[in-house]
Amino acid sequence: MAKQRSRRLRKKLYTGEFVVLGFEFSCTLAMESETEIDALVESFTAFIEDRNLLLGGGVNSTSFGGFVVAAGRYDSPSEDDRAAVQKWLSEQAKCSDVVVSELADINQSE
């Protein structure tokens, strides 16, 4: 049975109408230099920021992965944002095995 919580408490707990979603991504890279890695990361970061999203993650010469959330406090990326990230990564010549997760609640574990 779900607990009855006030709007104020739901907001503080990021539940109900205040739930915030995000998604993970990962891919395998075939990079030969730091310059190539930097160019990919800068290009991807610009793409993410143009969609009003934020990115956290890591990269090396063989893998790139991270988590994407919306820039607004109670905003969430859309399904279109998720699909656009999938498409962008898949279109990169040096990226393979692209995996983009479904949208998930970033504040509540399963």
PDB file of N, CA and C in Angstrom:
ATOM      1  N   MET A   1       0.840  -1.179   0.000  1.00  0.00           N
ATOM      2  CA  MET A   1       0.000   0.000   0.000  1.00  0.00           C
ATOM      3  C   MET A   1       0.888   1.245   0.000  1.00  0.00           C
ATOM      4  N   ALA A   2       0.651   2.152  -0.923  1.00  0.00           N
ATOM      5  CA  ALA A   2       1.454   3.363  -1.044  1.00  0.00           C
ATOM      6  C   ALA A   2       1.159   4.321   0.106  1.00  0.00           C
ATOM      7  N   LYS A   3       2.216   4.968   0.582  1.00  0.00           N
ATOM      8  CA  LYS A   3       2.057   5.945   1.654  1.00  0.00           C
ATOM      9  C   LYS A   3       1.482   7.235   1.089  1.00  0.00           C
ATOM     10  N   GLN A   4       0.613   7.871   1.867  1.00  0.00           N
ATOM     11  CA  GLN A   4       0.091   9.185   1.511  1.00  0.00           C
ATOM     12  C   GLN A   4       1.103  10.214   2.005  1.00  0.00           C
ATOM     13  N   ARG A   5       1.703  10.948   1.077  1.00  0.00           N
ATOM     14  CA  ARG A   5       2.694  11.950   1.455  1.00  0.00           C
ATOM     15  C   ARG A   5       2.256  13.311   0.937  1.00  0.00           C
ATOM     16  N   SER A   6       2.624  14.342   1.676  1.00  0.00           N
ATOM     17  CA  SER A   6       2.294  15.699   1.247  1.00  0.00           C
ATOM     18  C   SER A   6       3.123  16.068   0.013  1.00  0.00           C
ATOM     19  N   ARG A   7       2.653  17.060  -0.714  1.00  0.00           N
ATOM     20  CA  ARG A   7       3.367  17.525  -1.906  1.00  0.00           C
ATOM     21  C   ARG A   7       4.784  17.958  -1.532  1.00  0.00           C
ATOM     22  N   ARG A   8       4.910  18.646  -0.427  1.00  0.00           N
ATOM     23  CA  ARG A   8       6.217  19.125   0.036  1.00  0.00           C
ATOM     24  C   ARG A   8       7.176  17.964   0.273  1.00  0.00           C
ATOM     25  N   LEU A   9       6.701  16.896   0.901  1.00  0.00           N
ATOM     26  CA  LEU A   9       7.547  15.737   1.166  1.00  0.00           C
ATOM     27  C   LEU A   9       7.878  14.987  -0.128  1.00  0.00           C
ATOM     28  N   ARG A  10       6.908  14.853  -1.024  1.00  0.00           N
ATOM     29  CA  ARG A  10       7.177  14.206  -2.318  1.00  0.00           C
ATOM     30  C   ARG A  10       8.264  14.967  -3.075  1.00  0.00           C
ATOM     31  N   LYS A  11       8.227  16.291  -2.982  1.00  0.00           N
ATOM     32  CA  LYS A  11       9.231  17.112  -3.658  1.00  0.00           C
ATOM     33  C   LYS A  11      10.610  16.883  -3.050  1.00  0.00           C
ATOM     34  N   LYS A  12      10.691  16.864  -1.735  1.00  0.00           N
ATOM     35  CA  LYS A  12      11.971  16.633  -1.055  1.00  0.00           C
ATOM     36  C   LYS A  12      12.542  15.248  -1.343  1.00  0.00           C
ATOM     37  N   LEU A  13      11.648  14.268  -1.508  1.00  0.00           N
ATOM     38  CA  LEU A  13      12.078  12.884  -1.737  1.00  0.00           C
ATOM     39  C   LEU A  13      12.200  12.535  -3.224  1.00  0.00           C
ATOM     40  N   TYR A  14      11.914  13.499  -4.093  1.00  0.00           N
ATOM     41  CA  TYR A  14      11.952  13.263  -5.550  1.00  0.00           C
ATOM     42  C   TYR A  14      11.089  12.069  -5.939  1.00  0.00           C
ATOM     43  N   THR A  15       9.862  12.047  -5.434  1.00  0.00           N
ATOM     44  CA  THR A  15       8.925  10.973  -5.770  1.00  0.00           C
ATOM     45  C   THR A  15       7.679  11.571  -6.413  1.00  0.00           C
ATOM     46  N   GLY A  16       6.798  10.699  -6.892  1.00  0.00           N
ATOM     47  CA  GLY A  16       5.556  11.170  -7.505  1.00  0.00           C
ATOM     48  C   GLY A  16       5.830  12.048  -8.705  1.00  0.00           C
ATOM     49  N   GLU A  17       5.193  13.208  -8.737  1.00  0.00           N
ATOM     50  CA  GLU A  17       5.370  14.115  -9.867  1.00  0.00           C
ATOM     51  C   GLU A  17       6.755  14.758  -9.910  1.00  0.00           C
ATOM     52  N   PHE A  18       7.572  14.552  -8.871  1.00  0.00           N
ATOM     53  CA  PHE A  18       8.909  15.143  -8.805  1.00  0.00           C
ATOM     54  C   PHE A  18      10.027  14.143  -9.106  1.00  0.00           C
ATOM     55  N   VAL A  19       9.670  12.951  -9.563  1.00  0.00           N
ATOM     56  CA  VAL A  19      10.677  11.948  -9.892  1.00  0.00           C
ATOM     57  C   VAL A  19      11.576  12.488 -11.016  1.00  0.00           C
ATOM     58  N   VAL A  20      12.869  12.223 -10.910  1.00  0.00           N
ATOM     59  CA  VAL A  20      13.845  12.667 -11.905  1.00  0.00           C
ATOM     60  C   VAL A  20      14.447  11.426 -12.559  1.00  0.00           C
ATOM     61  N   LEU A  21      14.419  11.416 -13.887  1.00  0.00           N
ATOM     62  CA  LEU A  21      14.916  10.267 -14.638  1.00  0.00           C
ATOM     63  C   LEU A  21      16.248  10.582 -15.309  1.00  0.00           C
ATOM     64  N   GLY A  22      16.967   9.543 -15.649  1.00  0.00           N
ATOM     65  CA  GLY A  22      18.213   9.654 -16.394  1.00  0.00           C
ATOM     66  C   GLY A  22      18.480   8.327 -17.072  1.00  0.00           C
ATOM     67  N   PHE A  23      19.589   8.245 -17.810  1.00  0.00           N
ATOM     68  CA  PHE A  23      19.929   6.988 -18.466  1.00  0.00           C
ATOM     69  C   PHE A  23      21.439   6.832 -18.596  1.00  0.00           C
ATOM     70  N   GLU A  24      21.865   5.579 -18.643  1.00  0.00           N
ATOM     71  CA  GLU A  24      23.273   5.232 -18.817  1.00  0.00           C
ATOM     72  C   GLU A  24      23.558   4.973 -20.281  1.00  0.00           C
ATOM     73  N   PHE A  25      24.813   5.155 -20.665  1.00  0.00           N
ATOM     74  CA  PHE A  25      25.259   4.778 -22.002  1.00  0.00           C
ATOM     75  C   PHE A  25      26.663   4.195 -21.901  1.00  0.00           C
ATOM     76  N   SER A  26      27.011   3.364 -22.853  1.00  0.00           N
ATOM     77  CA  SER A  26      28.371   2.843 -22.949  1.00  0.00           C
ATOM     78  C   SER A  26      28.645   2.446 -24.389  1.00  0.00           C
ATOM     79  N   CYS A  27      29.917   2.457 -24.759  1.00  0.00           N
ATOM     80  CA  CYS A  27      30.317   1.991 -26.084  1.00  0.00           C
ATOM     81  C   CYS A  27      31.792   1.616 -26.052  1.00  0.00           C
ATOM     82  N   THR A  28      32.180   0.828 -27.015  1.00  0.00           N
ATOM     83  CA  THR A  28      33.570   0.436 -27.189  1.00  0.00           C
ATOM     84  C   THR A  28      34.196   1.409 -28.180  1.00  0.00           C
ATOM     85  N   LEU A  29      35.423   1.841 -27.882  1.00  0.00           N
ATOM     86  CA  LEU A  29      36.117   2.791 -28.747  1.00  0.00           C
ATOM     87  C   LEU A  29      37.333   2.147 -29.401  1.00  0.00           C
ATOM     88  N   ALA A  30      37.708   2.677 -30.536  1.00  0.00           N
ATOM     89  CA  ALA A  30      38.930   2.270 -31.231  1.00  0.00           C
ATOM     90  C   ALA A  30      39.744   3.535 -31.484  1.00  0.00           C
ATOM     91  N   MET A  31      40.239   4.118 -30.416  1.00  0.00           N
ATOM     92  CA  MET A  31      40.980   5.374 -30.502  1.00  0.00           C
ATOM     93  C   MET A  31      42.480   5.097 -30.464  1.00  0.00           C
ATOM     94  N   GLU A  32      43.216   5.903 -31.218  1.00  0.00           N
ATOM     95  CA  GLU A  32      44.658   5.714 -31.294  1.00  0.00           C
ATOM     96  C   GLU A  32      45.443   6.824 -30.615  1.00  0.00           C
ATOM     97  N   SER A  33      44.783   7.917 -30.255  1.00  0.00           N
ATOM     98  CA  SER A  33      45.508   9.015 -29.623  1.00  0.00           C
ATOM     99  C   SER A  33      44.605   9.779 -28.663  1.00  0.00           C
ATOM    100  N   GLU A  34      45.251  10.493 -27.764  1.00  0.00           N
ATOM    101  CA  GLU A  34      44.524  11.350 -26.823  1.00  0.00           C
ATOM    102  C   GLU A  34      43.752  12.439 -27.570  1.00  0.00           C
ATOM    103  N   THR A  35      44.312  12.901 -28.676  1.00  0.00           N
ATOM    104  CA  THR A  35      43.662  13.939 -29.476  1.00  0.00           C
ATOM    105  C   THR A  35      42.316  13.455 -29.999  1.00  0.00           C
ATOM    106  N   GLU A  36      42.258  12.208 -30.476  1.00  0.00           N
ATOM    107  CA  GLU A  36      40.999  11.631 -30.953  1.00  0.00           C
ATOM    108  C   GLU A  36      39.981  11.517 -29.821  1.00  0.00           C
ATOM    109  N   ILE A  37      40.450  11.075 -28.660  1.00  0.00           N
ATOM    110  CA  ILE A  37      39.566  10.938 -27.499  1.00  0.00           C
ATOM    111  C   ILE A  37      39.013  12.304 -27.106  1.00  0.00           C
ATOM    112  N   ASP A  38      39.896  13.295 -27.012  1.00  0.00           N
ATOM    113  CA  ASP A  38      39.470  14.648 -26.638  1.00  0.00           C
ATOM    114  C   ASP A  38      38.453  15.208 -27.625  1.00  0.00           C
ATOM    115  N   ALA A  39      38.682  14.986 -28.913  1.00  0.00           N
ATOM    116  CA  ALA A  39      37.758  15.490 -29.935  1.00  0.00           C
ATOM    117  C   ALA A  39      36.387  14.835 -29.796  1.00  0.00           C
ATOM    118  N   LEU A  40      36.359  13.523 -29.554  1.00  0.00           N
ATOM    119  CA  LEU A  40      35.087  12.819 -29.381  1.00  0.00           C
ATOM    120  C   LEU A  40      34.346  13.338 -28.151  1.00  0.00           C
ATOM    121  N   VAL A  41      35.054  13.457 -27.034  1.00  0.00           N
ATOM    122  CA  VAL A  41      34.422  13.905 -25.789  1.00  0.00           C
ATOM    123  C   VAL A  41      33.914  15.339 -25.927  1.00  0.00           C
ATOM    124  N   GLU A  42      34.702  16.219 -26.522  1.00  0.00           N
ATOM    125  CA  GLU A  42      34.262  17.606 -26.701  1.00  0.00           C
ATOM    126  C   GLU A  42      33.036  17.693 -27.606  1.00  0.00           C
ATOM    127  N   SER A  43      33.040  16.924 -28.675  1.00  0.00           N
ATOM    128  CA  SER A  43      31.902  16.913 -29.594  1.00  0.00           C
ATOM    129  C   SER A  43      30.650  16.360 -28.911  1.00  0.00           C
ATOM    130  N   PHE A  44      30.812  15.274 -28.159  1.00  0.00           N
ATOM    131  CA  PHE A  44      29.677  14.672 -27.458  1.00  0.00           C
ATOM    132  C   PHE A  44      29.150  15.609 -26.375  1.00  0.00           C
ATOM    133  N   THR A  45      30.048  16.249 -25.651  1.00  0.00           N
ATOM    134  CA  THR A  45      29.644  17.191 -24.605  1.00  0.00           C
ATOM    135  C   THR A  45      28.850  18.355 -25.204  1.00  0.00           C
ATOM    136  N   ALA A  46      29.298  18.881 -26.332  1.00  0.00           N
ATOM    137  CA  ALA A  46      28.563  19.963 -26.999  1.00  0.00           C
ATOM    138  C   ALA A  46      27.173  19.484 -27.426  1.00  0.00           C
ATOM    139  N   PHE A  47      27.093  18.269 -27.954  1.00  0.00           N
ATOM    140  CA  PHE A  47      25.810  17.685 -28.353  1.00  0.00           C
ATOM    141  C   PHE A  47      24.874  17.574 -27.148  1.00  0.00           C
ATOM    142  N   ILE A  48      25.397  17.074 -26.032  1.00  0.00           N
ATOM    143  CA  ILE A  48      24.609  16.905 -24.803  1.00  0.00           C
ATOM    144  C   ILE A  48      24.128  18.263 -24.285  1.00  0.00           C
ATOM    145  N   GLU A  49      25.028  19.232 -24.212  1.00  0.00           N
ATOM    146  CA  GLU A  49      24.672  20.549 -23.687  1.00  0.00           C
ATOM    147  C   GLU A  49      23.670  21.269 -24.579  1.00  0.00           C
ATOM    148  N   ASP A  50      23.745  21.062 -25.893  1.00  0.00           N
ATOM    149  CA  ASP A  50      22.768  21.664 -26.813  1.00  0.00           C
ATOM    150  C   ASP A  50      21.358  21.156 -26.545  1.00  0.00           C
ATOM    151  N   ARG A  51      21.239  19.975 -25.980  1.00  0.00           N
ATOM    152  CA  ARG A  51      19.930  19.392 -25.657  1.00  0.00           C
ATOM    153  C   ARG A  51      19.519  19.721 -24.216  1.00  0.00           C
ATOM    154  N   ASN A  52      20.273  20.612 -23.536  1.00  0.00           N
ATOM    155  CA  ASN A  52      20.010  21.014 -22.156  1.00  0.00           C
ATOM    156  C   ASN A  52      20.087  19.819 -21.200  1.00  0.00           C
ATOM    157  N   LEU A  53      21.125  18.999 -21.424  1.00  0.00           N
ATOM    158  CA  LEU A  53      21.378  17.828 -20.589  1.00  0.00           C
ATOM    159  C   LEU A  53      22.741  17.969 -19.932  1.00  0.00           C
ATOM    160  N   LEU A  54      22.990  17.138 -18.928  1.00  0.00           N
ATOM    161  CA  LEU A  54      24.282  17.065 -18.248  1.00  0.00           C
ATOM    162  C   LEU A  54      24.814  15.647 -18.363  1.00  0.00           C
ATOM    163  N   LEU A  55      26.130  15.526 -18.304  1.00  0.00           N
ATOM    164  CA  LEU A  55      26.792  14.252 -18.519  1.00  0.00           C
ATOM    165  C   LEU A  55      27.828  14.011 -17.438  1.00  0.00           C
ATOM    166  N   GLY A  56      27.879  12.791 -16.931  1.00  0.00           N
ATOM    167  CA  GLY A  56      28.946  12.363 -16.042  1.00  0.00           C
ATOM    168  C   GLY A  56      29.427  11.017 -16.525  1.00  0.00           C
ATOM    169  N   GLY A  57      30.718  10.793 -16.496  1.00  0.00           N
ATOM    170  CA  GLY A  57      31.198   9.501 -16.970  1.00  0.00           C
ATOM    171  C   GLY A  57      32.699   9.461 -17.097  1.00  0.00           C
ATOM    172  N   GLY A  58      33.170   8.490 -17.864  1.00  0.00           N
ATOM    173  CA  GLY A  58      34.596   8.311 -18.045  1.00  0.00           C
ATOM    174  C   GLY A  58      34.906   7.756 -19.422  1.00  0.00           C
ATOM    175  N   VAL A  59      36.150   7.955 -19.828  1.00  0.00           N
ATOM    176  CA  VAL A  59      36.572   7.513 -21.157  1.00  0.00           C
ATOM    177  C   VAL A  59      38.036   7.107 -21.116  1.00  0.00           C
ATOM    178  N   ASN A  60      38.383   6.109 -21.913  1.00  0.00           N
ATOM    179  CA  ASN A  60      39.775   5.773 -22.181  1.00  0.00           C
ATOM    180  C   ASN A  60      39.862   5.352 -23.637  1.00  0.00           C
ATOM    181  N   SER A  61      40.970   4.804 -24.065  1.00  0.00           N
ATOM    182  CA  SER A  61      41.139   4.498 -25.488  1.00  0.00           C
ATOM    183  C   SER A  61      40.250   3.361 -25.976  1.00  0.00           C
ATOM    184  N   THR A  62      39.683   2.572 -25.054  1.00  0.00           N
ATOM    185  CA  THR A  62      38.866   1.426 -25.470  1.00  0.00           C
ATOM    186  C   THR A  62      37.402   1.494 -25.052  1.00  0.00           C
ATOM    187  N   SER A  63      37.041   2.391 -24.147  1.00  0.00           N
ATOM    188  CA  SER A  63      35.642   2.451 -23.719  1.00  0.00           C
ATOM    189  C   SER A  63      35.229   3.866 -23.317  1.00  0.00           C
ATOM    190  N   PHE A  64      33.945   4.102 -23.443  1.00  0.00           N
ATOM    191  CA  PHE A  64      33.348   5.390 -23.107  1.00  0.00           C
ATOM    192  C   PHE A  64      31.995   5.086 -22.492  1.00  0.00           C
ATOM    193  N   GLY A  65      31.726   5.642 -21.324  1.00  0.00           N
ATOM    194  CA  GLY A  65      30.453   5.387 -20.670  1.00  0.00           C
ATOM    195  C   GLY A  65      30.111   6.488 -19.702  1.00  0.00           C
ATOM    196  N   GLY A  66      28.843   6.554 -19.347  1.00  0.00           N
ATOM    197  CA  GLY A  66      28.433   7.574 -18.412  1.00  0.00           C
ATOM    198  C   GLY A  66      26.944   7.562 -18.165  1.00  0.00           C
ATOM    199  N   PHE A  67      26.493   8.644 -17.541  1.00  0.00           N
ATOM    200  CA  PHE A  67      25.096   8.802 -17.164  1.00  0.00           C
ATOM    201  C   PHE A  67      24.646  10.183 -17.608  1.00  0.00           C
ATOM    202  N   VAL A  68      23.445  10.272 -18.142  1.00  0.00           N
ATOM    203  CA  VAL A  68      22.907  11.531 -18.658  1.00  0.00           C
ATOM    204  C   VAL A  68      21.650  11.905 -17.881  1.00  0.00           C
ATOM    205  N   VAL A  69      21.592  13.170 -17.443  1.00  0.00           N
ATOM    206  CA  VAL A  69      20.419  13.714 -16.760  1.00  0.00           C
ATOM    207  C   VAL A  69      20.092  15.071 -17.380  1.00  0.00           C
ATOM    208  N   ALA A  70      18.926  15.597 -17.068  1.00  0.00           N
ATOM    209  CA  ALA A  70      18.536  16.928 -17.540  1.00  0.00           C
ATOM    210  C   ALA A  70      19.198  17.994 -16.675  1.00  0.00           C
ATOM    211  N   ALA A  71      19.391  19.172 -17.245  1.00  0.00           N
ATOM    212  CA  ALA A  71      20.052  20.254 -16.528  1.00  0.00           C
ATOM    213  C   ALA A  71      19.167  20.883 -15.456  1.00  0.00           C
ATOM    214  N   GLY A  72      17.858  20.868 -15.637  1.00  0.00           N
ATOM    215  CA  GLY A  72      16.950  21.462 -14.660  1.00  0.00           C
ATOM    216  C   GLY A  72      16.791  20.589 -13.427  1.00  0.00           C
ATOM    217  N   ARG A  73      16.553  21.209 -12.287  1.00  0.00           N
ATOM    218  CA  ARG A  73      16.492  20.488 -11.015  1.00  0.00           C
ATOM    219  C   ARG A  73      15.459  19.363 -11.004  1.00  0.00           C
ATOM    220  N   TYR A  74      14.268  19.608 -11.493  1.00  0.00           N
ATOM    221  CA  TYR A  74      13.224  18.581 -11.497  1.00  0.00           C
ATOM    222  C   TYR A  74      12.900  18.105 -12.913  1.00  0.00           C
ATOM    223  N   ASP A  75      13.796  18.365 -13.851  1.00  0.00           N
ATOM    224  CA  ASP A  75      13.586  17.944 -15.233  1.00  0.00           C
ATOM    225  C   ASP A  75      14.190  16.564 -15.465  1.00  0.00           C
ATOM    226  N   SER A  76      13.738  15.923 -16.513  1.00  0.00           N
ATOM    227  CA  SER A  76      14.249  14.615 -16.916  1.00  0.00           C
ATOM    228  C   SER A  76      14.494  14.626 -18.415  1.00  0.00           C
ATOM    229  N   PRO A  77      15.483  13.854 -18.877  1.00  0.00           N
ATOM    230  CA  PRO A  77      15.633  13.715 -20.327  1.00  0.00           C
ATOM    231  C   PRO A  77      14.414  12.998 -20.901  1.00  0.00           C
ATOM    232  N   SER A  78      14.110  13.285 -22.144  1.00  0.00           N
ATOM    233  CA  SER A  78      12.965  12.647 -22.798  1.00  0.00           C
ATOM    234  C   SER A  78      13.410  11.373 -23.508  1.00  0.00           C
ATOM    235  N   GLU A  79      12.435  10.625 -23.966  1.00  0.00           N
ATOM    236  CA  GLU A  79      12.732   9.441 -24.781  1.00  0.00           C
ATOM    237  C   GLU A  79      13.432   9.874 -26.069  1.00  0.00           C
ATOM    238  N   ASP A  80      13.085  11.056 -26.587  1.00  0.00           N
ATOM    239  CA  ASP A  80      13.763  11.589 -27.775  1.00  0.00           C
ATOM    240  C   ASP A  80      15.234  11.869 -27.492  1.00  0.00           C
ATOM    241  N   ASP A  81      15.545  12.396 -26.296  1.00  0.00           N
ATOM    242  CA  ASP A  81      16.938  12.631 -25.905  1.00  0.00           C
ATOM    243  C   ASP A  81      17.706  11.312 -25.866  1.00  0.00           C
ATOM    244  N   ARG A  82      17.094  10.302 -25.277  1.00  0.00           N
ATOM    245  CA  ARG A  82      17.732   8.988 -25.178  1.00  0.00           C
ATOM    246  C   ARG A  82      18.009   8.417 -26.570  1.00  0.00           C
ATOM    247  N   ALA A  83      17.022   8.512 -27.447  1.00  0.00           N
ATOM    248  CA  ALA A  83      17.186   8.009 -28.815  1.00  0.00           C
ATOM    249  C   ALA A  83      18.240   8.815 -29.581  1.00  0.00           C
ATOM    250  N   ALA A  84      18.294  10.125 -29.346  1.00  0.00           N
ATOM    251  CA  ALA A  84      19.285  10.971 -30.016  1.00  0.00           C
ATOM    252  C   ALA A  84      20.702  10.611 -29.585  1.00  0.00           C
ATOM    253  N   VAL A  85      20.894  10.305 -28.301  1.00  0.00           N
ATOM    254  CA  VAL A  85      22.212   9.882 -27.821  1.00  0.00           C
ATOM    255  C   VAL A  85      22.596   8.555 -28.471  1.00  0.00           C
ATOM    256  N   GLN A  86      21.659   7.629 -28.516  1.00  0.00           N
ATOM    257  CA  GLN A  86      21.902   6.332 -29.177  1.00  0.00           C
ATOM    258  C   GLN A  86      22.328   6.556 -30.634  1.00  0.00           C
ATOM    259  N   LYS A  87      21.601   7.401 -31.335  1.00  0.00           N
ATOM    260  CA  LYS A  87      21.888   7.672 -32.750  1.00  0.00           C
ATOM    261  C   LYS A  87      23.242   8.349 -32.910  1.00  0.00           C
ATOM    262  N   TRP A  88      23.530   9.355 -32.081  1.00  0.00           N
ATOM    263  CA  TRP A  88      24.785  10.095 -32.190  1.00  0.00           C
ATOM    264  C   TRP A  88      25.970   9.159 -31.980  1.00  0.00           C
ATOM    265  N   LEU A  89      25.931   8.359 -30.933  1.00  0.00           N
ATOM    266  CA  LEU A  89      27.041   7.442 -30.666  1.00  0.00           C
ATOM    267  C   LEU A  89      27.187   6.409 -31.781  1.00  0.00           C
ATOM    268  N   SER A  90      26.080   5.898 -32.278  1.00  0.00           N
ATOM    269  CA  SER A  90      26.113   4.885 -33.341  1.00  0.00           C
ATOM    270  C   SER A  90      26.682   5.439 -34.643  1.00  0.00           C
ATOM    271  N   GLU A  91      26.534   6.730 -34.866  1.00  0.00           N
ATOM    272  CA  GLU A  91      27.034   7.354 -36.092  1.00  0.00           C
ATOM    273  C   GLU A  91      28.529   7.646 -36.058  1.00  0.00           C
ATOM    274  N   GLN A  92      29.151   7.533 -34.892  1.00  0.00           N
ATOM    275  CA  GLN A  92      30.578   7.820 -34.786  1.00  0.00           C
ATOM    276  C   GLN A  92      31.380   6.616 -35.287  1.00  0.00           C
ATOM    277  N   ALA A  93      32.308   6.871 -36.201  1.00  0.00           N
ATOM    278  CA  ALA A  93      33.077   5.794 -36.837  1.00  0.00           C
ATOM    279  C   ALA A  93      33.897   4.983 -35.835  1.00  0.00           C
ATOM    280  N   LYS A  94      34.381   5.610 -34.791  1.00  0.00           N
ATOM    281  CA  LYS A  94      35.250   4.926 -33.826  1.00  0.00           C
ATOM    282  C   LYS A  94      34.492   4.298 -32.663  1.00  0.00           C
ATOM    283  N   CYS A  95      33.157   4.392 -32.664  1.00  0.00           N
ATOM    284  CA  CYS A  95      32.329   3.807 -31.598  1.00  0.00           C
ATOM    285  C   CYS A  95      31.648   2.539 -32.099  1.00  0.00           C
ATOM    286  N   SER A  96      31.647   1.512 -31.267  1.00  0.00           N
ATOM    287  CA  SER A  96      30.915   0.282 -31.584  1.00  0.00           C
ATOM    288  C   SER A  96      30.279  -0.247 -30.306  1.00  0.00           C
ATOM    289  N   ASP A  97      29.453  -1.254 -30.440  1.00  0.00           N
ATOM    290  CA  ASP A  97      28.783  -1.874 -29.284  1.00  0.00           C
ATOM    291  C   ASP A  97      28.094  -0.832 -28.401  1.00  0.00           C
ATOM    292  N   VAL A  98      27.361   0.069 -29.008  1.00  0.00           N
ATOM    293  CA  VAL A  98      26.677   1.146 -28.285  1.00  0.00           C
ATOM    294  C   VAL A  98      25.487   0.572 -27.517  1.00  0.00           C
ATOM    295  N   VAL A  99      25.434   0.893 -26.216  1.00  0.00           N
ATOM    296  CA  VAL A  99      24.324   0.479 -25.364  1.00  0.00           C
ATOM    297  C   VAL A  99      23.811   1.718 -24.633  1.00  0.00           C
ATOM    298  N   VAL A 100      22.513   1.972 -24.751  1.00  0.00           N
ATOM    299  CA  VAL A 100      21.874   3.080 -24.040  1.00  0.00           C
ATOM    300  C   VAL A 100      20.710   2.487 -23.255  1.00  0.00           C
ATOM    301  N   SER A 101      20.735   2.679 -21.932  1.00  0.00           N
ATOM    302  CA  SER A 101      19.706   2.078 -21.076  1.00  0.00           C
ATOM    303  C   SER A 101      18.377   2.816 -21.210  1.00  0.00           C
ATOM    304  N   GLU A 102      17.352   2.216 -20.662  1.00  0.00           N
ATOM    305  CA  GLU A 102      16.043   2.869 -20.576  1.00  0.00           C
ATOM    306  C   GLU A 102      16.123   3.981 -19.529  1.00  0.00           C
ATOM    307  N   LEU A 103      15.180   4.900 -19.575  1.00  0.00           N
ATOM    308  CA  LEU A 103      15.104   5.941 -18.550  1.00  0.00           C
ATOM    309  C   LEU A 103      14.826   5.291 -17.199  1.00  0.00           C
ATOM    310  N   ALA A 104      15.530   5.757 -16.163  1.00  0.00           N
ATOM    311  CA  ALA A 104      15.372   5.193 -14.827  1.00  0.00           C
ATOM    312  C   ALA A 104      15.415   6.309 -13.787  1.00  0.00           C
ATOM    313  N   ASP A 105      14.771   6.082 -12.657  1.00  0.00           N
ATOM    314  CA  ASP A 105      14.753   7.020 -11.533  1.00  0.00           C
ATOM    315  C   ASP A 105      16.170   7.137 -10.979  1.00  0.00           C
ATOM    316  N   ILE A 106      16.712   8.348 -10.954  1.00  0.00           N
ATOM    317  CA  ILE A 106      18.098   8.513 -10.515  1.00  0.00           C
ATOM    318  C   ILE A 106      18.249   8.586  -8.995  1.00  0.00           C
ATOM    319  N   ASN A 107      17.153   8.758  -8.273  1.00  0.00           N
ATOM    320  CA  ASN A 107      17.229   8.913  -6.824  1.00  0.00           C
ATOM    321  C   ASN A 107      16.799   7.690  -6.033  1.00  0.00           C
ATOM    322  N   GLN A 108      16.177   6.744  -6.660  1.00  0.00           N
ATOM    323  CA  GLN A 108      15.670   5.566  -5.952  1.00  0.00           C
ATOM    324  C   GLN A 108      16.313   4.312  -6.522  1.00  0.00           C
ATOM    325  N   SER A 109      16.909   3.512  -5.676  1.00  0.00           N
ATOM    326  CA  SER A 109      17.461   2.240  -6.141  1.00  0.00           C
ATOM    327  C   SER A 109      16.361   1.190  -6.115  1.00  0.00           C
ATOM    328  N   GLU A 110      16.584   0.120  -6.843  1.00  0.00           N
ATOM    329  CA  GLU A 110      15.564  -0.942  -6.913  1.00  0.00           C
ATOM    330  C   GLU A 110      15.578  -1.809  -5.697  1.00  0.00           C
TER     331      GLU A 110
END
